[in-house]
Amino acid sequence: MKELSRAQDDIRSWENMDGEFSELALLEEMLREYDDPELQSELENRAAVLHKALDHQQLFLLLNEEYDRNNAILTIHAGSGGLDSQDWAGMLLRMYLRWAERENFKARAIDIQSDDEAGIKSATLEINGSFAHGYLKAEKGVHRLVRISPFDSAKRRHTSFASVSVYPELPDDLDLDIRPEDLKIDTFRSSGAGGQHVNRTDSAVRITHLPTGIITSCQNERSQHMNKDVAMKVLRSKLYEKAVQEREKELAAVVGDKKESSWGSQIRSYVLDDRRVKDTRTGYETSNTEAVLNGDIKAFVKAYLLSQ
């Protein structure tokens, strides 16, 4: 029923755009006969709206992998480099929150490990909305920042790194073999926002999957039970992604593909003093660094999807 509903929505979208295109064609014919500024303005405005809708639909056509339509779980980890890297990780967190707001997605923090001096050590976000994972999969990899460090009294140029991982939120009925004896579950006192339970009860939960060493945690829900459920959801997504990566490595070994996987490799450079953001995979770049850091990354996502 979900697949049927999605197909019907897709058909309605194309039918609406087809109908709008026909009406615009009629307006254009009328303008050939009558020089009407109001009609000209209406044509231009409606054409701009249609162009935006077509651009949006084009991205949908590129999002055809199994879990592209799903919600996404996004994690950010500061690289080596101390305060600069932690500050950079915090800037990326803000960028993705702004992006979610621009795209009308709902974003909520599952776990944020802040630093007392600057930025964050790590963060995990849940991004809810249709195609959230399909869009954000373009962001996984290492993001490199070059700028005059605000933490350097000599005002020298510093290079900072932060890694971004993206996982699909999996359906509940997906069969993943997670044995209870393979899990180590710890509880601890929450340190962030969360109401009366923060710093009073051990409501935060950390789950370690012993065979793989994968660790997930959640501290922002209202109860230990809810935090455990969310941490398990993140663990399932990470285990699924790990299994996918292992299958891809096995296939590459069989077919003789020696190309390095893009997972974990540098994907984008943000050079602030030169006002340049460049994606190393697609070559797409822009000089509007401020807009990018405020969440305007759609052009980078589209360029990546078109290159696949």
Foldseek 3Di string as FASTA:
>chain_A
DVVVVVVVVLVVLVVVLVVLVVVLVVLVVVCVVDVDPVSVVVSVVSVVVSVVSVVVVVLVVLQDDDQQFFKKKKKKAWDPDPQVSQQVSQLVVLQAVLQLVVVVWDKDWFDWAADPPHHTRMTMMITGGTRNLVLCQLPFAKEKEWAQDPPDPVRDIDITIMGMDMFGQDDPPDDDDQDPVQKDKDFAADDDDAPPRHPPDRQKIWIARNVVRDIFIGDRYNGNVVRVVVRVRVVVRVVVVVVVVVVVVVVCVVVVPPDDDRHHHYFWYQYPVQQKIAGPVQRDMDSPSVVSSSHPCNVSSVSSSVVD
